[in-house]
Amino acid sequence: MSEFTNKVKLAYLIKKLHININEIKEDTDDGMDKRIKLQKIVYFTKLLGVDFEYNYSMYLHGPYSPELAKDYYSLNQADVDEAIVCEAIDKLYPRIEQLYRKETIWLETAASITNVRKSNPKLDWKHIIDHVYNIKSDILIENDKDSRYVEQVSQDLKTLEMTDN
């Protein structure tokens, strides 16, 4: 068995991103925001090629993995501080960090677009954008975003080479 379990890689990713594991676990709006952001960063890190074996299903805030949530809730600061270097994460770190700097609503929208595209590869971009806007409209409106925002995020994903065409 590889020493790089999901949990070991997760601890290293959290360490690299300078995330305070205790803030992730806080039962506050800020804690929730940090958990959503971490969920999306791990989702994209997996898409970039790090072999996280988390399964995702579509939820209110986009793709979500209960196994990932279980892992980050079980980590403590010592696990993060003492995390073993994972070269796969180091290799992709500039791209991961670029995504991490995005606001949470962008990550939610981008992960939702990517998930819908992956689940429906024959669906054209207009329908993907419309679908994502429809399933996320409450959250988007709450964040003063409209369907043009979803379209812009889809363009950003293409520019970042996070999706095909």
N, C-alpha and C. Protein backbone atom coordinates (compact mmCIF):
# COMPACT_ATOMS: atom_id res chain seq x y z
N MET A 1 0.84 -1.19 0.00
CA MET A 1 0.00 0.00 0.00
C MET A 1 0.88 1.25 0.00
N SER A 2 0.53 2.20 -0.78
CA SER A 2 1.28 3.44 -0.88
C SER A 2 1.14 4.25 0.41
N GLU A 3 2.24 4.93 0.77
CA GLU A 3 2.18 5.78 1.96
C GLU A 3 1.35 7.04 1.68
N PHE A 4 1.05 7.28 0.40
CA PHE A 4 0.30 8.48 0.04
C PHE A 4 -1.19 8.18 -0.07
N THR A 5 -1.81 8.00 1.07
CA THR A 5 -3.25 7.83 1.10
C THR A 5 -3.91 9.18 0.80
N ASN A 6 -5.20 9.15 0.56
CA ASN A 6 -5.94 10.40 0.36
C ASN A 6 -5.67 11.37 1.51
N LYS A 7 -5.74 10.86 2.72
CA LYS A 7 -5.60 11.71 3.90
C LYS A 7 -4.20 12.32 4.00
N VAL A 8 -3.18 11.56 3.64
CA VAL A 8 -1.80 12.07 3.67
C VAL A 8 -1.63 13.16 2.62
N LYS A 9 -2.15 12.93 1.43
CA LYS A 9 -2.06 13.94 0.36
C LYS A 9 -2.86 15.18 0.75
N LEU A 10 -4.03 14.98 1.35
CA LEU A 10 -4.85 16.10 1.78
C LEU A 10 -4.11 16.94 2.81
N ALA A 11 -3.50 16.30 3.79
CA ALA A 11 -2.75 17.03 4.82
C ALA A 11 -1.64 17.87 4.18
N TYR A 12 -0.96 17.29 3.18
CA TYR A 12 0.11 18.03 2.52
C TYR A 12 -0.44 19.21 1.71
N LEU A 13 -1.54 19.00 1.02
CA LEU A 13 -2.16 20.09 0.26
C LEU A 13 -2.57 21.22 1.19
N ILE A 14 -3.16 20.90 2.31
CA ILE A 14 -3.56 21.91 3.30
C ILE A 14 -2.33 22.66 3.81
N LYS A 15 -1.26 21.93 4.06
CA LYS A 15 -0.01 22.55 4.51
C LYS A 15 0.53 23.50 3.45
N LYS A 16 0.59 23.04 2.19
CA LYS A 16 1.12 23.87 1.10
C LYS A 16 0.32 25.17 0.93
N LEU A 17 -0.98 25.07 1.10
CA LEU A 17 -1.85 26.24 0.91
C LEU A 17 -1.95 27.11 2.17
N HIS A 18 -1.25 26.72 3.21
CA HIS A 18 -1.24 27.47 4.48
C HIS A 18 -2.65 27.65 5.04
N ILE A 19 -3.42 26.57 4.97
CA ILE A 19 -4.78 26.57 5.50
C ILE A 19 -4.72 26.13 6.96
N ASN A 20 -5.42 26.84 7.82
CA ASN A 20 -5.51 26.46 9.23
C ASN A 20 -6.62 25.41 9.35
N ILE A 21 -6.23 24.19 9.68
CA ILE A 21 -7.20 23.09 9.73
C ILE A 21 -8.30 23.35 10.76
N ASN A 22 -7.99 24.06 11.83
CA ASN A 22 -9.00 24.35 12.84
C ASN A 22 -10.06 25.31 12.32
N GLU A 23 -9.67 26.24 11.45
CA GLU A 23 -10.65 27.17 10.85
C GLU A 23 -11.59 26.45 9.90
N ILE A 24 -11.10 25.40 9.25
CA ILE A 24 -11.94 24.59 8.35
C ILE A 24 -13.09 23.96 9.14
N LYS A 25 -12.80 23.56 10.36
CA LYS A 25 -13.76 22.82 11.18
C LYS A 25 -14.74 23.72 11.94
N GLU A 26 -14.52 25.03 11.93
CA GLU A 26 -15.39 25.95 12.68
C GLU A 26 -16.82 25.90 12.17
N ASP A 27 -17.75 25.91 13.09
CA ASP A 27 -19.17 25.90 12.75
C ASP A 27 -19.66 27.35 12.59
N THR A 28 -19.08 28.03 11.60
CA THR A 28 -19.41 29.43 11.30
C THR A 28 -19.56 29.58 9.79
N ASP A 29 -20.05 30.71 9.35
CA ASP A 29 -20.13 30.97 7.91
C ASP A 29 -18.75 30.94 7.28
N ASP A 30 -17.76 31.49 7.99
CA ASP A 30 -16.39 31.49 7.48
C ASP A 30 -15.85 30.06 7.38
N GLY A 31 -16.13 29.24 8.38
CA GLY A 31 -15.72 27.83 8.33
C GLY A 31 -16.36 27.11 7.17
N MET A 32 -17.64 27.37 6.95
CA MET A 32 -18.37 26.76 5.83
C MET A 32 -17.75 27.18 4.51
N ASP A 33 -17.44 28.46 4.37
CA ASP A 33 -16.81 28.98 3.16
C ASP A 33 -15.47 28.28 2.92
N LYS A 34 -14.69 28.10 3.96
CA LYS A 34 -13.38 27.44 3.83
C LYS A 34 -13.54 25.97 3.45
N ARG A 35 -14.55 25.30 3.97
CA ARG A 35 -14.80 23.90 3.62
C ARG A 35 -15.21 23.78 2.16
N ILE A 36 -16.08 24.67 1.71
CA ILE A 36 -16.50 24.66 0.31
C ILE A 36 -15.28 24.87 -0.58
N LYS A 37 -14.47 25.84 -0.23
CA LYS A 37 -13.28 26.14 -1.03
C LYS A 37 -12.33 24.94 -1.07
N LEU A 38 -12.11 24.30 0.08
CA LEU A 38 -11.23 23.14 0.12
C LEU A 38 -11.80 22.00 -0.73
N GLN A 39 -13.10 21.77 -0.64
CA GLN A 39 -13.74 20.74 -1.47
C GLN A 39 -13.43 20.99 -2.96
N LYS A 40 -13.57 22.23 -3.38
CA LYS A 40 -13.36 22.54 -4.80
C LYS A 40 -11.88 22.47 -5.19
N ILE A 41 -10.99 22.88 -4.30
CA ILE A 41 -9.56 22.80 -4.60
C ILE A 41 -9.13 21.34 -4.75
N VAL A 42 -9.61 20.47 -3.88
CA VAL A 42 -9.26 19.05 -4.00
C VAL A 42 -9.88 18.49 -5.28
N TYR A 43 -11.10 18.89 -5.61
CA TYR A 43 -11.76 18.46 -6.85
C TYR A 43 -10.89 18.83 -8.06
N PHE A 44 -10.44 20.08 -8.11
CA PHE A 44 -9.62 20.52 -9.24
C PHE A 44 -8.23 19.90 -9.21
N THR A 45 -7.68 19.69 -8.03
CA THR A 45 -6.36 19.04 -7.92
C THR A 45 -6.44 17.63 -8.49
N LYS A 46 -7.55 16.96 -8.22
CA LYS A 46 -7.77 15.63 -8.80
C LYS A 46 -7.86 15.72 -10.32
N LEU A 47 -8.59 16.70 -10.83
CA LEU A 47 -8.69 16.87 -12.29
C LEU A 47 -7.34 17.18 -12.93
N LEU A 48 -6.49 17.87 -12.19
CA LEU A 48 -5.16 18.20 -12.71
C LEU A 48 -4.23 16.99 -12.73
N GLY A 49 -4.59 15.93 -12.02
CA GLY A 49 -3.80 14.71 -12.11
C GLY A 49 -3.29 14.11 -10.82
N VAL A 50 -3.56 14.75 -9.67
CA VAL A 50 -3.17 14.14 -8.40
C VAL A 50 -4.19 13.04 -8.12
N ASP A 51 -3.70 11.86 -7.79
CA ASP A 51 -4.60 10.71 -7.70
C ASP A 51 -5.37 10.61 -6.38
N PHE A 52 -6.10 11.69 -6.07
CA PHE A 52 -7.07 11.62 -4.98
C PHE A 52 -8.17 10.66 -5.42
N GLU A 53 -8.57 9.79 -4.54
CA GLU A 53 -9.60 8.80 -4.89
C GLU A 53 -10.94 9.12 -4.28
N TYR A 54 -11.24 10.41 -4.17
CA TYR A 54 -12.53 10.82 -3.63
C TYR A 54 -13.58 10.77 -4.72
N ASN A 55 -14.77 10.33 -4.37
CA ASN A 55 -15.91 10.36 -5.29
C ASN A 55 -16.75 11.58 -4.97
N TYR A 56 -17.25 12.21 -6.01
CA TYR A 56 -18.03 13.43 -5.87
C TYR A 56 -19.43 13.24 -6.41
N SER A 57 -20.38 13.89 -5.76
CA SER A 57 -21.76 13.99 -6.24
C SER A 57 -22.12 15.47 -6.25
N MET A 58 -23.06 15.83 -7.09
CA MET A 58 -23.47 17.23 -7.19
C MET A 58 -24.37 17.59 -6.01
N TYR A 59 -24.03 18.67 -5.33
CA TYR A 59 -24.80 19.19 -4.21
C TYR A 59 -25.05 20.68 -4.44
N LEU A 60 -25.65 21.32 -3.48
CA LEU A 60 -25.99 22.73 -3.57
C LEU A 60 -24.80 23.61 -3.98
N HIS A 61 -23.64 23.36 -3.40
CA HIS A 61 -22.46 24.17 -3.67
C HIS A 61 -21.53 23.54 -4.70
N GLY A 62 -22.08 22.66 -5.54
CA GLY A 62 -21.28 22.01 -6.57
C GLY A 62 -20.83 20.63 -6.14
N PRO A 63 -19.84 20.06 -6.85
CA PRO A 63 -19.37 18.72 -6.51
C PRO A 63 -18.90 18.65 -5.06
N TYR A 64 -19.32 17.58 -4.38
CA TYR A 64 -19.03 17.42 -2.95
C TYR A 64 -18.67 15.96 -2.69
N SER A 65 -17.67 15.74 -1.84
CA SER A 65 -17.25 14.40 -1.47
C SER A 65 -17.39 14.21 0.04
N PRO A 66 -18.30 13.34 0.49
CA PRO A 66 -18.42 13.05 1.91
C PRO A 66 -17.14 12.44 2.49
N GLU A 67 -16.44 11.62 1.68
CA GLU A 67 -15.19 11.00 2.15
C GLU A 67 -14.14 12.07 2.41
N LEU A 68 -14.08 13.08 1.56
CA LEU A 68 -13.14 14.19 1.75
C LEU A 68 -13.49 14.93 3.04
N ALA A 69 -14.77 15.20 3.26
CA ALA A 69 -15.20 15.89 4.48
C ALA A 69 -14.78 15.08 5.71
N LYS A 70 -14.98 13.78 5.67
CA LYS A 70 -14.58 12.92 6.79
C LYS A 70 -13.09 13.06 7.04
N ASP A 71 -12.30 13.07 5.97
CA ASP A 71 -10.84 13.18 6.13
C ASP A 71 -10.42 14.52 6.72
N TYR A 72 -10.95 15.64 6.23
CA TYR A 72 -10.47 16.91 6.79
C TYR A 72 -10.96 17.13 8.21
N TYR A 73 -12.12 16.58 8.56
CA TYR A 73 -12.57 16.69 9.95
C TYR A 73 -11.71 15.84 10.89
N SER A 74 -11.11 14.79 10.36
CA SER A 74 -10.30 13.90 11.21
C SER A 74 -8.85 14.38 11.35
N LEU A 75 -8.42 15.33 10.53
CA LEU A 75 -7.05 15.85 10.62
C LEU A 75 -6.91 16.81 11.79
N ASN A 76 -5.71 16.83 12.37
CA ASN A 76 -5.40 17.85 13.37
C ASN A 76 -4.18 18.64 12.89
N GLN A 77 -3.83 19.68 13.61
CA GLN A 77 -2.73 20.55 13.17
C GLN A 77 -1.41 19.80 13.06
N ALA A 78 -1.16 18.84 13.95
CA ALA A 78 0.08 18.05 13.88
C ALA A 78 0.14 17.24 12.58
N ASP A 79 -1.01 16.68 12.15
CA ASP A 79 -1.05 15.94 10.89
C ASP A 79 -0.63 16.84 9.73
N VAL A 80 -1.11 18.06 9.75
CA VAL A 80 -0.80 19.02 8.69
C VAL A 80 0.67 19.46 8.78
N ASP A 81 1.10 19.83 9.97
CA ASP A 81 2.48 20.30 10.16
C ASP A 81 3.51 19.25 9.77
N GLU A 82 3.21 17.99 10.03
CA GLU A 82 4.15 16.90 9.79
C GLU A 82 3.87 16.16 8.48
N ALA A 83 3.07 16.74 7.61
CA ALA A 83 2.67 16.08 6.36
C ALA A 83 3.89 15.74 5.50
N ILE A 84 3.86 14.55 4.93
CA ILE A 84 4.91 14.07 4.03
C ILE A 84 4.78 14.81 2.69
N VAL A 85 5.92 15.20 2.14
CA VAL A 85 5.95 15.89 0.85
C VAL A 85 5.36 14.98 -0.22
N CYS A 86 4.48 15.52 -1.00
CA CYS A 86 3.87 14.81 -2.13
C CYS A 86 4.31 15.52 -3.40
N GLU A 87 5.20 14.89 -4.16
CA GLU A 87 5.77 15.51 -5.35
C GLU A 87 4.72 15.84 -6.41
N ALA A 88 3.68 15.02 -6.50
CA ALA A 88 2.62 15.28 -7.48
C ALA A 88 1.95 16.63 -7.20
N ILE A 89 1.74 16.94 -5.93
CA ILE A 89 1.16 18.23 -5.55
C ILE A 89 2.16 19.34 -5.80
N ASP A 90 3.43 19.12 -5.42
CA ASP A 90 4.47 20.14 -5.66
C ASP A 90 4.56 20.50 -7.14
N LYS A 91 4.50 19.49 -7.99
CA LYS A 91 4.63 19.70 -9.44
C LYS A 91 3.49 20.58 -9.97
N LEU A 92 2.31 20.39 -9.44
CA LEU A 92 1.13 21.13 -9.91
C LEU A 92 0.82 22.37 -9.07
N TYR A 93 1.63 22.62 -8.06
CA TYR A 93 1.30 23.66 -7.10
C TYR A 93 1.03 25.04 -7.71
N PRO A 94 1.80 25.51 -8.69
CA PRO A 94 1.48 26.84 -9.24
C PRO A 94 0.04 26.92 -9.76
N ARG A 95 -0.43 25.87 -10.42
CA ARG A 95 -1.82 25.87 -10.92
C ARG A 95 -2.82 25.75 -9.78
N ILE A 96 -2.51 24.92 -8.79
CA ILE A 96 -3.39 24.76 -7.63
C ILE A 96 -3.51 26.09 -6.89
N GLU A 97 -2.37 26.74 -6.68
CA GLU A 97 -2.38 28.02 -5.96
C GLU A 97 -3.16 29.08 -6.75
N GLN A 98 -3.02 29.08 -8.06
CA GLN A 98 -3.77 30.02 -8.91
C GLN A 98 -5.27 29.83 -8.71
N LEU A 99 -5.70 28.59 -8.64
CA LEU A 99 -7.12 28.31 -8.39
C LEU A 99 -7.52 28.69 -6.97
N TYR A 100 -6.65 28.42 -6.01
CA TYR A 100 -6.96 28.71 -4.61
C TYR A 100 -7.17 30.21 -4.38
N ARG A 101 -6.52 31.03 -5.17
CA ARG A 101 -6.67 32.49 -5.02
C ARG A 101 -8.03 32.99 -5.52
N LYS A 102 -8.76 32.16 -6.24
CA LYS A 102 -10.09 32.53 -6.74
C LYS A 102 -11.07 32.60 -5.58
N GLU A 103 -12.11 33.42 -5.75
CA GLU A 103 -13.13 33.49 -4.71
C GLU A 103 -13.96 32.20 -4.71
N THR A 104 -14.57 31.91 -3.59
CA THR A 104 -15.30 30.66 -3.41
C THR A 104 -16.42 30.50 -4.43
N ILE A 105 -17.17 31.55 -4.71
CA ILE A 105 -18.27 31.45 -5.67
C ILE A 105 -17.75 31.08 -7.06
N TRP A 106 -16.57 31.60 -7.41
CA TRP A 106 -15.95 31.23 -8.70
C TRP A 106 -15.64 29.74 -8.70
N LEU A 107 -15.01 29.24 -7.62
CA LEU A 107 -14.65 27.82 -7.54
C LEU A 107 -15.89 26.93 -7.59
N GLU A 108 -16.93 27.33 -6.87
CA GLU A 108 -18.20 26.58 -6.88
C GLU A 108 -18.76 26.49 -8.30
N THR A 109 -18.80 27.64 -8.96
CA THR A 109 -19.36 27.71 -10.31
C THR A 109 -18.50 26.92 -11.28
N ALA A 110 -17.19 27.10 -11.19
CA ALA A 110 -16.26 26.40 -12.09
C ALA A 110 -16.34 24.88 -11.90
N ALA A 111 -16.39 24.44 -10.66
CA ALA A 111 -16.48 23.00 -10.40
C ALA A 111 -17.81 22.45 -10.90
N SER A 112 -18.87 23.23 -10.77
CA SER A 112 -20.19 22.80 -11.26
C SER A 112 -20.17 22.69 -12.78
N ILE A 113 -19.58 23.67 -13.44
CA ILE A 113 -19.47 23.64 -14.91
C ILE A 113 -18.68 22.40 -15.33
N THR A 114 -17.56 22.18 -14.70
CA THR A 114 -16.69 21.06 -15.05
C THR A 114 -17.41 19.73 -14.82
N ASN A 115 -18.14 19.64 -13.71
CA ASN A 115 -18.86 18.42 -13.39
C ASN A 115 -19.97 18.15 -14.41
N VAL A 116 -20.72 19.19 -14.76
CA VAL A 116 -21.80 19.03 -15.76
C VAL A 116 -21.19 18.65 -17.11
N ARG A 117 -20.10 19.29 -17.48
CA ARG A 117 -19.43 19.00 -18.76
C ARG A 117 -18.95 17.55 -18.79
N LYS A 118 -18.37 17.10 -17.68
CA LYS A 118 -17.85 15.73 -17.59
C LYS A 118 -18.99 14.71 -17.65
N SER A 119 -20.11 15.02 -17.02
CA SER A 119 -21.26 14.11 -16.99
C SER A 119 -22.04 14.10 -18.30
N ASN A 120 -21.92 15.20 -19.06
CA ASN A 120 -22.69 15.36 -20.31
C ASN A 120 -21.77 15.87 -21.42
N PRO A 121 -20.82 15.05 -21.87
CA PRO A 121 -19.80 15.53 -22.81
C PRO A 121 -20.35 16.03 -24.15
N LYS A 122 -21.54 15.61 -24.52
CA LYS A 122 -22.11 16.04 -25.81
C LYS A 122 -22.92 17.33 -25.70
N LEU A 123 -23.13 17.80 -24.49
CA LEU A 123 -23.91 19.02 -24.27
C LEU A 123 -23.10 20.24 -24.71
N ASP A 124 -23.72 21.12 -25.48
CA ASP A 124 -22.98 22.31 -25.92
C ASP A 124 -22.85 23.30 -24.77
N TRP A 125 -21.92 24.26 -24.95
CA TRP A 125 -21.59 25.19 -23.86
C TRP A 125 -22.78 26.04 -23.43
N LYS A 126 -23.62 26.46 -24.36
CA LYS A 126 -24.77 27.28 -24.00
C LYS A 126 -25.68 26.51 -23.03
N HIS A 127 -25.92 25.25 -23.30
CA HIS A 127 -26.78 24.45 -22.43
C HIS A 127 -26.11 24.18 -21.08
N ILE A 128 -24.80 23.99 -21.10
CA ILE A 128 -24.08 23.79 -19.83
C ILE A 128 -24.20 25.05 -18.97
N ILE A 129 -23.96 26.20 -19.57
CA ILE A 129 -24.05 27.48 -18.84
C ILE A 129 -25.46 27.68 -18.30
N ASP A 130 -26.46 27.45 -19.15
CA ASP A 130 -27.86 27.60 -18.72
C ASP A 130 -28.19 26.63 -17.57
N HIS A 131 -27.74 25.40 -17.70
CA HIS A 131 -28.02 24.40 -16.67
C HIS A 131 -27.36 24.78 -15.35
N VAL A 132 -26.10 25.16 -15.40
CA VAL A 132 -25.40 25.54 -14.17
C VAL A 132 -26.04 26.76 -13.55
N TYR A 133 -26.42 27.72 -14.37
CA TYR A 133 -27.10 28.89 -13.81
C TYR A 133 -28.41 28.48 -13.12
N ASN A 134 -29.16 27.60 -13.75
CA ASN A 134 -30.43 27.16 -13.17
C ASN A 134 -30.24 26.43 -11.85
N ILE A 135 -29.26 25.55 -11.77
CA ILE A 135 -29.09 24.78 -10.52
C ILE A 135 -28.41 25.60 -9.43
N LYS A 136 -27.72 26.67 -9.81
CA LYS A 136 -27.02 27.48 -8.82
C LYS A 136 -27.59 28.89 -8.70
N SER A 137 -28.73 29.15 -9.30
CA SER A 137 -29.25 30.52 -9.36
C SER A 137 -29.42 31.16 -7.98
N ASP A 138 -29.91 30.42 -6.99
CA ASP A 138 -30.10 31.00 -5.66
C ASP A 138 -28.78 31.50 -5.08
N ILE A 139 -27.75 30.67 -5.15
CA ILE A 139 -26.44 31.04 -4.61
C ILE A 139 -25.81 32.16 -5.45
N LEU A 140 -25.96 32.08 -6.75
CA LEU A 140 -25.39 33.12 -7.62
C LEU A 140 -26.06 34.47 -7.35
N ILE A 141 -27.37 34.48 -7.28
CA ILE A 141 -28.11 35.72 -7.03
C ILE A 141 -27.74 36.28 -5.66
N GLU A 142 -27.62 35.40 -4.67
CA GLU A 142 -27.21 35.81 -3.32
C GLU A 142 -25.84 36.49 -3.35
N ASN A 143 -25.01 36.13 -4.33
CA ASN A 143 -23.67 36.71 -4.48
C ASN A 143 -23.61 37.77 -5.59
N ASP A 144 -24.80 38.29 -5.97
CA ASP A 144 -24.89 39.32 -7.01
C ASP A 144 -24.29 38.89 -8.35
N LYS A 145 -24.51 37.64 -8.72
CA LYS A 145 -24.01 37.09 -9.99
C LYS A 145 -25.20 36.68 -10.84
N ASP A 146 -25.00 36.74 -12.16
CA ASP A 146 -26.06 36.32 -13.08
C ASP A 146 -25.51 35.31 -14.08
N SER A 147 -26.27 35.00 -15.11
CA SER A 147 -25.84 33.99 -16.08
C SER A 147 -24.57 34.43 -16.82
N ARG A 148 -24.36 35.73 -16.96
CA ARG A 148 -23.11 36.20 -17.61
C ARG A 148 -21.90 35.81 -16.78
N TYR A 149 -22.07 35.74 -15.46
CA TYR A 149 -20.98 35.31 -14.59
C TYR A 149 -20.62 33.85 -14.88
N VAL A 150 -21.63 33.00 -15.03
CA VAL A 150 -21.39 31.59 -15.34
C VAL A 150 -20.66 31.49 -16.68
N GLU A 151 -21.08 32.29 -17.64
CA GLU A 151 -20.42 32.30 -18.95
C GLU A 151 -18.96 32.75 -18.81
N GLN A 152 -18.71 33.77 -17.99
CA GLN A 152 -17.34 34.25 -17.79
C GLN A 152 -16.47 33.18 -17.12
N VAL A 153 -17.03 32.49 -16.13
CA VAL A 153 -16.28 31.42 -15.46
C VAL A 153 -15.95 30.32 -16.47
N SER A 154 -16.88 30.00 -17.36
CA SER A 154 -16.59 28.97 -18.36
C SER A 154 -15.45 29.41 -19.28
N GLN A 155 -15.42 30.69 -19.62
CA GLN A 155 -14.32 31.22 -20.43
C GLN A 155 -13.00 31.16 -19.64
N ASP A 156 -13.06 31.50 -18.36
CA ASP A 156 -11.87 31.41 -17.50
C ASP A 156 -11.33 29.99 -17.47
N LEU A 157 -12.22 29.01 -17.37
CA LEU A 157 -11.80 27.61 -17.34
C LEU A 157 -11.07 27.23 -18.63
N LYS A 158 -11.57 27.72 -19.74
CA LYS A 158 -10.90 27.44 -21.02
C LYS A 158 -9.53 28.11 -21.05
N THR A 159 -9.45 29.34 -20.58
CA THR A 159 -8.18 30.07 -20.55
C THR A 159 -7.18 29.36 -19.64
N LEU A 160 -7.66 28.86 -18.52
CA LEU A 160 -6.80 28.14 -17.57
C LEU A 160 -6.51 26.70 -18.00
N GLU A 161 -7.06 26.33 -19.15
CA GLU A 161 -6.92 24.97 -19.69
C GLU A 161 -7.40 23.91 -18.71
N MET A 162 -8.54 24.21 -18.10
CA MET A 162 -9.14 23.29 -17.14
C MET A 162 -10.31 22.50 -17.77
N THR A 163 -10.55 22.72 -19.03
CA THR A 163 -11.62 22.00 -19.72
C THR A 163 -11.25 21.94 -21.20
N ASP A 164 -11.91 21.04 -21.89
CA ASP A 164 -11.66 20.95 -23.33
C ASP A 164 -12.43 22.06 -24.05
N ASN A 165 -11.95 22.41 -25.19
CA ASN A 165 -12.47 23.48 -26.07
C ASN A 165 -13.25 24.50 -25.31
